[in-house]
PDB file of N, CA and C in Angstrom:
ATOM      1  N   MET A   1      -9.639  10.863 -13.185  1.00  0.00           N
ATOM      2  CA  MET A   1     -10.350  10.188 -11.892  1.00  0.00           C
ATOM      3  C   MET A   1     -11.502  11.485 -11.458  1.00  0.00           C
ATOM      4  N   ASP A   2     -12.436  11.313 -11.001  1.00  0.00           N
ATOM      5  CA  ASP A   2     -13.278  12.015 -10.685  1.00  0.00           C
ATOM      6  C   ASP A   2     -13.039  12.385  -9.139  1.00  0.00           C
ATOM      7  N   SER A   3     -13.523  13.494  -8.530  1.00  0.00           N
ATOM      8  CA  SER A   3     -13.284  13.892  -7.369  1.00  0.00           C
ATOM      9  C   SER A   3     -13.815  13.092  -6.360  1.00  0.00           C
ATOM     10  N   THR A   4     -14.934  12.468  -6.555  1.00  0.00           N
ATOM     11  CA  THR A   4     -15.463  11.240  -5.810  1.00  0.00           C
ATOM     12  C   THR A   4     -14.458  10.301  -5.155  1.00  0.00           C
ATOM     13  N   THR A   5     -13.918  10.003  -6.591  1.00  0.00           N
ATOM     14  CA  THR A   5     -13.046   8.389  -5.994  1.00  0.00           C
ATOM     15  C   THR A   5     -11.753   9.122  -5.598  1.00  0.00           C
ATOM     16  N   GLN A   6     -11.431  10.440  -5.722  1.00  0.00           N
ATOM     17  CA  GLN A   6      -9.984  10.669  -5.193  1.00  0.00           C
ATOM     18  C   GLN A   6     -10.472  11.023  -3.623  1.00  0.00           C
ATOM     19  N   GLN A   7     -11.594  11.494  -3.598  1.00  0.00           N
ATOM     20  CA  GLN A   7     -11.961  11.528  -1.880  1.00  0.00           C
ATOM     21  C   GLN A   7     -11.793  10.339  -1.213  1.00  0.00           C
ATOM     22  N   ARG A   8     -12.547   9.316  -1.966  1.00  0.00           N
ATOM     23  CA  ARG A   8     -12.743   7.781  -1.331  1.00  0.00           C
ATOM     24  C   ARG A   8     -10.850   7.331  -1.155  1.00  0.00           C
ATOM     25  N   ILE A   9      -9.938   7.418  -2.022  1.00  0.00           N
ATOM     26  CA  ILE A   9      -8.858   7.146  -1.814  1.00  0.00           C
ATOM     27  C   ILE A   9      -7.984   7.932  -0.705  1.00  0.00           C
ATOM     28  N   ASP A  10      -8.401   9.242  -0.663  1.00  0.00           N
ATOM     29  CA  ASP A  10      -7.897  10.003   0.415  1.00  0.00           C
ATOM     30  C   ASP A  10      -8.422   9.658   1.893  1.00  0.00           C
ATOM     31  N   ASP A  11      -9.826   9.314   1.607  1.00  0.00           N
ATOM     32  CA  ASP A  11     -10.280   8.766   3.352  1.00  0.00           C
ATOM     33  C   ASP A  11      -9.594   7.540   3.498  1.00  0.00           C
ATOM     34  N   LEU A  12      -9.579   6.678   2.581  1.00  0.00           N
ATOM     35  CA  LEU A  12      -8.803   5.501   2.796  1.00  0.00           C
ATOM     36  C   LEU A  12      -7.347   5.544   3.254  1.00  0.00           C
ATOM     37  N   ILE A  13      -6.575   6.319   2.644  1.00  0.00           N
ATOM     38  CA  ILE A  13      -5.409   6.134   3.134  1.00  0.00           C
ATOM     39  C   ILE A  13      -5.351   6.834   4.611  1.00  0.00           C
ATOM     40  N   ALA A  14      -6.244   7.632   4.857  1.00  0.00           N
ATOM     41  CA  ALA A  14      -6.286   8.301   6.031  1.00  0.00           C
ATOM     42  C   ALA A  14      -6.495   7.401   7.364  1.00  0.00           C
ATOM     43  N   THR A  15      -6.884   6.412   6.981  1.00  0.00           N
ATOM     44  CA  THR A  15      -7.376   5.265   8.012  1.00  0.00           C
ATOM     45  C   THR A  15      -6.361   4.630   8.815  1.00  0.00           C
ATOM     46  N   SER A  16      -5.212   4.509   8.267  1.00  0.00           N
ATOM     47  CA  SER A  16      -3.894   3.848   9.011  1.00  0.00           C
ATOM     48  C   SER A  16      -2.951   4.447   8.390  1.00  0.00           C
ATOM     49  N   PRO A  17      -1.752   4.287   9.328  1.00  0.00           N
ATOM     50  CA  PRO A  17      -0.390   5.095   9.092  1.00  0.00           C
ATOM     51  C   PRO A  17       0.294   4.247   8.120  1.00  0.00           C
ATOM     52  N   VAL A  18       0.047   2.980   7.752  1.00  0.00           N
ATOM     53  CA  VAL A  18       0.483   1.866   6.691  1.00  0.00           C
ATOM     54  C   VAL A  18      -0.717   1.404   5.943  1.00  0.00           C
ATOM     55  N   TYR A  19      -0.867   1.909   4.642  1.00  0.00           N
ATOM     56  CA  TYR A  19      -2.081   1.323   3.772  1.00  0.00           C
ATOM     57  C   TYR A  19      -1.490   0.954   2.562  1.00  0.00           C
ATOM     58  N   VAL A  20      -2.402  -0.216   2.396  1.00  0.00           N
ATOM     59  CA  VAL A  20      -1.782  -1.126   1.007  1.00  0.00           C
ATOM     60  C   VAL A  20      -3.078  -0.953   0.161  1.00  0.00           C
ATOM     61  N   PHE A  21      -2.843  -0.712  -1.147  1.00  0.00           N
ATOM     62  CA  PHE A  21      -3.838  -1.264  -1.980  1.00  0.00           C
ATOM     63  C   PHE A  21      -3.277  -2.392  -2.807  1.00  0.00           C
ATOM     64  N   MET A  22      -4.107  -3.354  -2.787  1.00  0.00           N
ATOM     65  CA  MET A  22      -3.574  -4.550  -3.429  1.00  0.00           C
ATOM     66  C   MET A  22      -4.623  -5.570  -4.086  1.00  0.00           C
ATOM     67  N   LYS A  23      -4.019  -6.792  -4.505  1.00  0.00           N
ATOM     68  CA  LYS A  23      -5.207  -7.493  -5.040  1.00  0.00           C
ATOM     69  C   LYS A  23      -5.560  -8.800  -4.106  1.00  0.00           C
ATOM     70  N   GLY A  24      -6.626  -8.673  -3.377  1.00  0.00           N
ATOM     71  CA  GLY A  24      -7.107  -9.796  -2.172  1.00  0.00           C
ATOM     72  C   GLY A  24      -6.881  -8.592  -0.926  1.00  0.00           C
ATOM     73  N   ASN A  25      -6.515  -9.447   0.190  1.00  0.00           N
ATOM     74  CA  ASN A  25      -6.548  -8.630   1.591  1.00  0.00           C
ATOM     75  C   ASN A  25      -5.283  -9.474   2.011  1.00  0.00           C
ATOM     76  N   LYS A  26      -4.951  -8.593   3.400  1.00  0.00           N
ATOM     77  CA  LYS A  26      -3.812  -9.237   4.063  1.00  0.00           C
ATOM     78  C   LYS A  26      -3.966 -10.756   4.523  1.00  0.00           C
ATOM     79  N   LEU A  27      -5.079 -11.237   4.581  1.00  0.00           N
ATOM     80  CA  LEU A  27      -5.161 -12.731   5.111  1.00  0.00           C
ATOM     81  C   LEU A  27      -5.138 -13.587   3.728  1.00  0.00           C
ATOM     82  N   MET A  28      -5.481 -12.949   2.505  1.00  0.00           N
ATOM     83  CA  MET A  28      -5.682 -14.092   1.192  1.00  0.00           C
ATOM     84  C   MET A  28      -5.314 -12.808   0.253  1.00  0.00           C
ATOM     85  N   PRO A  29      -3.987 -12.548   0.053  1.00  0.00           N
ATOM     86  CA  PRO A  29      -3.474 -12.051  -0.891  1.00  0.00           C
ATOM     87  C   PRO A  29      -4.048 -12.501  -2.413  1.00  0.00           C
ATOM     88  N   GLN A  30      -4.034 -11.973  -3.337  1.00  0.00           N
ATOM     89  CA  GLN A  30      -4.811 -12.594  -4.642  1.00  0.00           C
ATOM     90  C   GLN A  30      -3.408 -12.512  -5.857  1.00  0.00           C
ATOM     91  N   CYS A  31      -2.441 -12.213  -5.594  1.00  0.00           N
ATOM     92  CA  CYS A  31      -1.352 -12.349  -6.346  1.00  0.00           C
ATOM     93  C   CYS A  31      -0.163 -12.355  -5.581  1.00  0.00           C
ATOM     94  N   GLY A  32       0.976 -12.843  -6.287  1.00  0.00           N
ATOM     95  CA  GLY A  32       2.325 -12.625  -5.885  1.00  0.00           C
ATOM     96  C   GLY A  32       2.732 -11.610  -5.478  1.00  0.00           C
ATOM     97  N   PHE A  33       2.584 -10.582  -6.100  1.00  0.00           N
ATOM     98  CA  PHE A  33       3.019  -9.317  -5.510  1.00  0.00           C
ATOM     99  C   PHE A  33       2.681  -8.526  -4.476  1.00  0.00           C
ATOM    100  N   SER A  34       1.250  -8.639  -4.330  1.00  0.00           N
ATOM    101  CA  SER A  34       0.590  -8.490  -3.141  1.00  0.00           C
ATOM    102  C   SER A  34       1.083  -9.250  -2.043  1.00  0.00           C
ATOM    103  N   ASN A  35       1.308 -10.456  -2.283  1.00  0.00           N
ATOM    104  CA  ASN A  35       1.563 -11.533  -1.061  1.00  0.00           C
ATOM    105  C   ASN A  35       2.955 -10.808  -0.592  1.00  0.00           C
ATOM    106  N   ASN A  36       4.006 -10.544  -1.317  1.00  0.00           N
ATOM    107  CA  ASN A  36       5.313 -10.289  -1.123  1.00  0.00           C
ATOM    108  C   ASN A  36       5.268  -9.160  -0.375  1.00  0.00           C
ATOM    109  N   VAL A  37       4.202  -8.143  -0.411  1.00  0.00           N
ATOM    110  CA  VAL A  37       4.244  -6.773   0.351  1.00  0.00           C
ATOM    111  C   VAL A  37       3.633  -7.297   1.805  1.00  0.00           C
ATOM    112  N   VAL A  38       2.595  -8.115   1.732  1.00  0.00           N
ATOM    113  CA  VAL A  38       2.236  -8.504   2.720  1.00  0.00           C
ATOM    114  C   VAL A  38       3.289  -9.221   3.808  1.00  0.00           C
ATOM    115  N   GLN A  39       3.759 -10.054   3.324  1.00  0.00           N
ATOM    116  CA  GLN A  39       5.305 -10.942   4.099  1.00  0.00           C
ATOM    117  C   GLN A  39       6.028  -9.953   4.299  1.00  0.00           C
ATOM    118  N   ILE A  40       6.354  -8.688   3.777  1.00  0.00           N
ATOM    119  CA  ILE A  40       7.488  -8.000   4.129  1.00  0.00           C
ATOM    120  C   ILE A  40       6.877  -6.896   5.541  1.00  0.00           C
ATOM    121  N   LEU A  41       5.557  -6.741   4.995  1.00  0.00           N
ATOM    122  CA  LEU A  41       5.189  -5.771   6.538  1.00  0.00           C
ATOM    123  C   LEU A  41       4.897  -6.652   7.729  1.00  0.00           C
ATOM    124  N   THR A  42       4.440  -7.998   7.445  1.00  0.00           N
ATOM    125  CA  THR A  42       4.271  -8.861   8.635  1.00  0.00           C
ATOM    126  C   THR A  42       5.413  -9.046   9.149  1.00  0.00           C
ATOM    127  N   ALA A  43       6.600  -9.492   8.408  1.00  0.00           N
ATOM    128  CA  ALA A  43       7.845  -9.815   9.164  1.00  0.00           C
ATOM    129  C   ALA A  43       8.455  -8.488   9.768  1.00  0.00           C
ATOM    130  N   LEU A  44       8.042  -7.175   9.315  1.00  0.00           N
ATOM    131  CA  LEU A  44       8.411  -6.386  10.482  1.00  0.00           C
ATOM    132  C   LEU A  44       7.559  -5.822  11.610  1.00  0.00           C
ATOM    133  N   ALA A  45       6.762  -6.529  11.504  1.00  0.00           N
ATOM    134  CA  ALA A  45       5.422  -6.446  12.685  1.00  0.00           C
ATOM    135  C   ALA A  45       4.867  -5.013  12.544  1.00  0.00           C
ATOM    136  N   VAL A  46       4.648  -4.803  11.394  1.00  0.00           N
ATOM    137  CA  VAL A  46       3.847  -3.314  11.071  1.00  0.00           C
ATOM    138  C   VAL A  46       2.442  -3.592  10.990  1.00  0.00           C
ATOM    139  N   PRO A  47       1.747  -2.743  11.913  1.00  0.00           N
ATOM    140  CA  PRO A  47       0.340  -2.740  11.564  1.00  0.00           C
ATOM    141  C   PRO A  47      -0.084  -2.344  10.346  1.00  0.00           C
ATOM    142  N   PHE A  48      -1.045  -2.729   9.417  1.00  0.00           N
ATOM    143  CA  PHE A  48      -1.200  -2.177   8.307  1.00  0.00           C
ATOM    144  C   PHE A  48      -2.602  -2.286   7.866  1.00  0.00           C
ATOM    145  N   GLU A  49      -3.680  -1.491   7.060  1.00  0.00           N
ATOM    146  CA  GLU A  49      -4.581  -1.936   6.385  1.00  0.00           C
ATOM    147  C   GLU A  49      -4.568  -2.058   5.027  1.00  0.00           C
ATOM    148  N   THR A  50      -5.359  -2.846   4.328  1.00  0.00           N
ATOM    149  CA  THR A  50      -5.444  -3.148   3.116  1.00  0.00           C
ATOM    150  C   THR A  50      -6.956  -2.809   2.277  1.00  0.00           C
ATOM    151  N   PHE A  51      -6.864  -2.434   0.929  1.00  0.00           N
ATOM    152  CA  PHE A  51      -7.929  -2.464   0.376  1.00  0.00           C
ATOM    153  C   PHE A  51      -7.930  -3.494  -0.860  1.00  0.00           C
ATOM    154  N   ASP A  52      -8.889  -4.043  -1.378  1.00  0.00           N
ATOM    155  CA  ASP A  52      -8.864  -5.005  -2.330  1.00  0.00           C
ATOM    156  C   ASP A  52      -9.349  -4.540  -3.456  1.00  0.00           C
ATOM    157  N   VAL A  53      -8.399  -4.020  -4.523  1.00  0.00           N
ATOM    158  CA  VAL A  53      -8.728  -3.167  -5.776  1.00  0.00           C
ATOM    159  C   VAL A  53      -9.662  -4.053  -6.492  1.00  0.00           C
ATOM    160  N   LEU A  54      -9.581  -5.752  -6.353  1.00  0.00           N
ATOM    161  CA  LEU A  54     -10.212  -6.414  -7.462  1.00  0.00           C
ATOM    162  C   LEU A  54     -11.715  -6.095  -7.253  1.00  0.00           C
ATOM    163  N   SER A  55     -12.032  -5.705  -5.747  1.00  0.00           N
ATOM    164  CA  SER A  55     -13.763  -5.441  -5.091  1.00  0.00           C
ATOM    165  C   SER A  55     -14.129  -4.053  -5.856  1.00  0.00           C
ATOM    166  N   ASP A  56     -13.515  -3.175  -6.336  1.00  0.00           N
ATOM    167  CA  ASP A  56     -13.913  -2.057  -7.000  1.00  0.00           C
ATOM    168  C   ASP A  56     -13.336  -1.383  -8.078  1.00  0.00           C
ATOM    169  N   PRO A  57     -13.892  -1.588  -9.391  1.00  0.00           N
ATOM    170  CA  PRO A  57     -12.868  -0.945 -10.272  1.00  0.00           C
ATOM    171  C   PRO A  57     -12.396   0.411 -10.321  1.00  0.00           C
ATOM    172  N   GLU A  58     -13.368   1.291  -9.952  1.00  0.00           N
ATOM    173  CA  GLU A  58     -13.229   2.776  -9.714  1.00  0.00           C
ATOM    174  C   GLU A  58     -11.804   2.888  -8.890  1.00  0.00           C
ATOM    175  N   ILE A  59     -11.600   2.094  -7.963  1.00  0.00           N
ATOM    176  CA  ILE A  59     -10.545   2.440  -7.087  1.00  0.00           C
ATOM    177  C   ILE A  59      -9.235   2.069  -7.741  1.00  0.00           C
ATOM    178  N   ARG A  60      -9.439   0.756  -8.240  1.00  0.00           N
ATOM    179  CA  ARG A  60      -8.466  -0.021  -9.043  1.00  0.00           C
ATOM    180  C   ARG A  60      -7.863   1.111 -10.064  1.00  0.00           C
ATOM    181  N   GLN A  61      -8.568   1.659 -10.650  1.00  0.00           N
ATOM    182  CA  GLN A  61      -8.011   2.420 -11.843  1.00  0.00           C
ATOM    183  C   GLN A  61      -7.760   3.854 -11.370  1.00  0.00           C
ATOM    184  N   GLY A  62      -8.399   4.393 -10.308  1.00  0.00           N
ATOM    185  CA  GLY A  62      -7.987   5.449  -9.642  1.00  0.00           C
ATOM    186  C   GLY A  62      -6.942   5.684  -9.024  1.00  0.00           C
ATOM    187  N   ILE A  63      -6.536   4.466  -8.357  1.00  0.00           N
ATOM    188  CA  ILE A  63      -5.262   4.658  -7.239  1.00  0.00           C
ATOM    189  C   ILE A  63      -4.037   4.831  -8.293  1.00  0.00           C
ATOM    190  N   LYS A  64      -4.284   4.279  -9.373  1.00  0.00           N
ATOM    191  CA  LYS A  64      -3.073   4.240 -10.730  1.00  0.00           C
ATOM    192  C   LYS A  64      -2.751   5.970 -10.787  1.00  0.00           C
ATOM    193  N   GLU A  65      -3.912   6.472 -11.154  1.00  0.00           N
ATOM    194  CA  GLU A  65      -3.906   7.995 -11.615  1.00  0.00           C
ATOM    195  C   GLU A  65      -3.472   8.725 -10.138  1.00  0.00           C
ATOM    196  N   TYR A  66      -4.115   8.316  -9.054  1.00  0.00           N
ATOM    197  CA  TYR A  66      -3.501   8.954  -7.955  1.00  0.00           C
ATOM    198  C   TYR A  66      -2.188   9.287  -7.572  1.00  0.00           C
ATOM    199  N   SER A  67      -1.637   8.130  -7.824  1.00  0.00           N
ATOM    200  CA  SER A  67       0.032   8.033  -7.382  1.00  0.00           C
ATOM    201  C   SER A  67       0.817   8.266  -8.489  1.00  0.00           C
ATOM    202  N   ASP A  68       0.249   8.011  -9.881  1.00  0.00           N
ATOM    203  CA  ASP A  68       0.797   7.992 -11.388  1.00  0.00           C
ATOM    204  C   ASP A  68       2.021   6.998 -10.956  1.00  0.00           C
ATOM    205  N   TRP A  69       1.473   5.873 -10.685  1.00  0.00           N
ATOM    206  CA  TRP A  69       2.083   4.424 -10.838  1.00  0.00           C
ATOM    207  C   TRP A  69       1.328   3.354 -11.383  1.00  0.00           C
ATOM    208  N   PRO A  70       1.674   2.831 -12.415  1.00  0.00           N
ATOM    209  CA  PRO A  70       0.617   1.989 -13.195  1.00  0.00           C
ATOM    210  C   PRO A  70       0.473   0.465 -12.473  1.00  0.00           C
ATOM    211  N   THR A  71       1.161   0.124 -11.254  1.00  0.00           N
ATOM    212  CA  THR A  71       0.763  -1.121 -10.917  1.00  0.00           C
ATOM    213  C   THR A  71       0.339  -1.231  -9.793  1.00  0.00           C
ATOM    214  N   ILE A  72      -0.074  -2.714  -9.614  1.00  0.00           N
ATOM    215  CA  ILE A  72      -0.577  -2.700  -8.051  1.00  0.00           C
ATOM    216  C   ILE A  72       0.030  -4.097  -7.754  1.00  0.00           C
ATOM    217  N   PRO A  73       0.595  -3.900  -6.010  1.00  0.00           N
ATOM    218  CA  PRO A  73       0.254  -3.231  -4.791  1.00  0.00           C
ATOM    219  C   PRO A  73       0.650  -1.788  -4.978  1.00  0.00           C
ATOM    220  N   GLN A  74       0.283  -0.992  -4.050  1.00  0.00           N
ATOM    221  CA  GLN A  74       0.552   0.226  -3.821  1.00  0.00           C
ATOM    222  C   GLN A  74       0.727   0.469  -2.214  1.00  0.00           C
ATOM    223  N   VAL A  75       1.855   0.950  -1.606  1.00  0.00           N
ATOM    224  CA  VAL A  75       1.864   0.926  -0.100  1.00  0.00           C
ATOM    225  C   VAL A  75       2.214   2.629   0.041  1.00  0.00           C
ATOM    226  N   TYR A  76       1.236   3.202   0.926  1.00  0.00           N
ATOM    227  CA  TYR A  76       1.462   4.537   1.175  1.00  0.00           C
ATOM    228  C   TYR A  76       1.814   4.477   2.928  1.00  0.00           C
ATOM    229  N   VAL A  77       2.783   5.408   3.226  1.00  0.00           N
ATOM    230  CA  VAL A  77       2.888   5.436   4.640  1.00  0.00           C
ATOM    231  C   VAL A  77       2.804   7.136   5.300  1.00  0.00           C
ATOM    232  N   LYS A  78       1.999   7.281   6.049  1.00  0.00           N
ATOM    233  CA  LYS A  78       1.607   8.432   6.371  1.00  0.00           C
ATOM    234  C   LYS A  78       0.941   9.316   5.269  1.00  0.00           C
ATOM    235  N   GLY A  79       0.249   8.564   4.440  1.00  0.00           N
ATOM    236  CA  GLY A  79      -0.210   9.407   3.193  1.00  0.00           C
ATOM    237  C   GLY A  79       0.575   9.625   2.304  1.00  0.00           C
ATOM    238  N   GLU A  80       1.857   8.844   2.439  1.00  0.00           N
ATOM    239  CA  GLU A  80       2.712   9.242   1.199  1.00  0.00           C
ATOM    240  C   GLU A  80       2.861   8.028   0.342  1.00  0.00           C
ATOM    241  N   PHE A  81       3.181   8.370  -1.101  1.00  0.00           N
ATOM    242  CA  PHE A  81       3.344   7.134  -1.758  1.00  0.00           C
ATOM    243  C   PHE A  81       4.415   6.474  -1.526  1.00  0.00           C
ATOM    244  N   LEU A  82       4.744   5.167  -1.247  1.00  0.00           N
ATOM    245  CA  LEU A  82       5.981   4.649  -0.912  1.00  0.00           C
ATOM    246  C   LEU A  82       6.495   3.804  -2.189  1.00  0.00           C
ATOM    247  N   GLY A  83       5.911   3.133  -2.556  1.00  0.00           N
ATOM    248  CA  GLY A  83       6.126   2.333  -4.134  1.00  0.00           C
ATOM    249  C   GLY A  83       5.097   0.774  -3.854  1.00  0.00           C
ATOM    250  N   GLY A  84       5.762   0.282  -4.763  1.00  0.00           N
ATOM    251  CA  GLY A  84       4.901  -1.370  -4.989  1.00  0.00           C
ATOM    252  C   GLY A  84       5.976  -2.332  -4.560  1.00  0.00           C
ATOM    253  N   SER A  85       5.806  -3.419  -4.921  1.00  0.00           N
ATOM    254  CA  SER A  85       6.542  -4.589  -4.591  1.00  0.00           C
ATOM    255  C   SER A  85       7.850  -4.703  -4.525  1.00  0.00           C
ATOM    256  N   ASP A  86       8.462  -4.315  -5.793  1.00  0.00           N
ATOM    257  CA  ASP A  86       9.789  -4.313  -6.005  1.00  0.00           C
ATOM    258  C   ASP A  86      10.595  -3.070  -5.373  1.00  0.00           C
ATOM    259  N   ILE A  87       9.826  -2.144  -4.981  1.00  0.00           N
ATOM    260  CA  ILE A  87      10.784  -0.907  -4.306  1.00  0.00           C
ATOM    261  C   ILE A  87      10.768  -1.358  -2.931  1.00  0.00           C
ATOM    262  N   LEU A  88       9.330  -2.175  -2.129  1.00  0.00           N
ATOM    263  CA  LEU A  88       9.700  -2.695  -0.992  1.00  0.00           C
ATOM    264  C   LEU A  88      10.527  -3.591  -0.595  1.00  0.00           C
ATOM    265  N   ILE A  89      10.652  -4.392  -1.728  1.00  0.00           N
ATOM    266  CA  ILE A  89      11.568  -5.782  -1.331  1.00  0.00           C
ATOM    267  C   ILE A  89      13.322  -5.032  -1.225  1.00  0.00           C
ATOM    268  N   GLU A  90      13.284  -4.153  -2.361  1.00  0.00           N
ATOM    269  CA  GLU A  90      14.628  -3.278  -2.246  1.00  0.00           C
ATOM    270  C   GLU A  90      15.032  -2.581  -0.880  1.00  0.00           C
ATOM    271  N   MET A  91      13.972  -1.912  -0.489  1.00  0.00           N
ATOM    272  CA  MET A  91      13.771  -1.124   0.851  1.00  0.00           C
ATOM    273  C   MET A  91      14.321  -2.102   2.091  1.00  0.00           C
ATOM    274  N   TYR A  92      13.510  -3.128   1.644  1.00  0.00           N
ATOM    275  CA  TYR A  92      13.416  -4.023   2.696  1.00  0.00           C
ATOM    276  C   TYR A  92      14.895  -4.637   3.106  1.00  0.00           C
ATOM    277  N   ASN A  93      15.231  -5.079   1.935  1.00  0.00           N
ATOM    278  CA  ASN A  93      16.875  -5.651   1.965  1.00  0.00           C
ATOM    279  C   ASN A  93      18.073  -5.080   2.392  1.00  0.00           C
ATOM    280  N   SER A  94      17.471  -3.667   2.131  1.00  0.00           N
ATOM    281  CA  SER A  94      18.669  -2.581   2.398  1.00  0.00           C
ATOM    282  C   SER A  94      18.553  -2.366   3.755  1.00  0.00           C
ATOM    283  N   GLY A  95      17.476  -2.524   4.596  1.00  0.00           N
ATOM    284  CA  GLY A  95      17.147  -1.950   5.849  1.00  0.00           C
ATOM    285  C   GLY A  95      16.592  -0.473   5.901  1.00  0.00           C
ATOM    286  N   GLU A  96      16.561  -0.141   4.745  1.00  0.00           N
ATOM    287  CA  GLU A  96      15.823   1.325   4.428  1.00  0.00           C
ATOM    288  C   GLU A  96      14.315   1.378   4.999  1.00  0.00           C
ATOM    289  N   LEU A  97      13.628   0.259   4.780  1.00  0.00           N
ATOM    290  CA  LEU A  97      12.325   0.108   4.752  1.00  0.00           C
ATOM    291  C   LEU A  97      11.809   0.057   6.528  1.00  0.00           C
ATOM    292  N   ARG A  98      12.519  -0.561   7.129  1.00  0.00           N
ATOM    293  CA  ARG A  98      12.400  -0.696   8.653  1.00  0.00           C
ATOM    294  C   ARG A  98      12.523   0.682   9.211  1.00  0.00           C
ATOM    295  N   GLU A  99      13.830   1.768   8.889  1.00  0.00           N
ATOM    296  CA  GLU A  99      14.257   2.837   9.344  1.00  0.00           C
ATOM    297  C   GLU A  99      13.058   3.731   9.070  1.00  0.00           C
ATOM    298  N   LYS A 100      12.262   3.594   7.574  1.00  0.00           N
ATOM    299  CA  LYS A 100      11.435   4.653   7.298  1.00  0.00           C
ATOM    300  C   LYS A 100      10.201   4.198   8.110  1.00  0.00           C
ATOM    301  N   LEU A 101       9.833   3.088   8.369  1.00  0.00           N
ATOM    302  CA  LEU A 101       8.555   2.908   9.091  1.00  0.00           C
ATOM    303  C   LEU A 101       8.677   3.212  10.678  1.00  0.00           C
ATOM    304  N   GLU A 102       9.902   2.921  11.155  1.00  0.00           N
ATOM    305  CA  GLU A 102       9.911   3.399  12.588  1.00  0.00           C
ATOM    306  C   GLU A 102       9.806   4.730  12.936  1.00  0.00           C
ATOM    307  N   VAL A 103      10.520   5.507  11.795  1.00  0.00           N
ATOM    308  CA  VAL A 103      10.230   6.952  12.048  1.00  0.00           C
ATOM    309  C   VAL A 103       8.973   7.184  11.801  1.00  0.00           C
ATOM    310  N   ALA A 104       8.077   6.872  10.930  1.00  0.00           N
ATOM    311  CA  ALA A 104       6.628   7.070  10.485  1.00  0.00           C
ATOM    312  C   ALA A 104       5.806   6.855  11.527  1.00  0.00           C
ATOM    313  N   LEU A 105       6.039   5.575  12.188  1.00  0.00           N
ATOM    314  CA  LEU A 105       5.036   5.164  13.077  1.00  0.00           C
ATOM    315  C   LEU A 105       5.464   5.491  14.492  1.00  0.00           C
ATOM    316  N   ALA A 106       6.652   6.328  14.802  1.00  0.00           N
ATOM    317  CA  ALA A 106       6.879   6.947  15.982  1.00  0.00           C
ATOM    318  C   ALA A 106       6.259   8.570  15.970  1.00  0.00           C
ATOM    319  N   SER A 107       6.191   9.032  14.913  1.00  0.00           N
ATOM    320  CA  SER A 107       5.760  10.506  14.756  1.00  0.00           C
ATOM    321  C   SER A 107       4.136  10.356  14.938  1.00  0.00           C
TER     322      SER A 107
END
């Protein structure tokens, strides 16, 4: 990944405490995994921003290198990579996600 793409990703993540790289957007997810993430964050009433990786091939590939994670969606909390759909589902079901988000958003 070139430094321009890395800087663009850094800048995007910095715009919101909770940021999601996904297929589609929070109003119209374009895959089931992205929809899962949107539903979880909405259920927790967490404000979040999204980037549609389908709109930009450089970001779509770059975000996988940035996080060293091969799949999309990808969720970042306060700049830290949290995980994708499966990880969020597990964390949501255990209650860990609510706790982590409350702590992150309070600081």
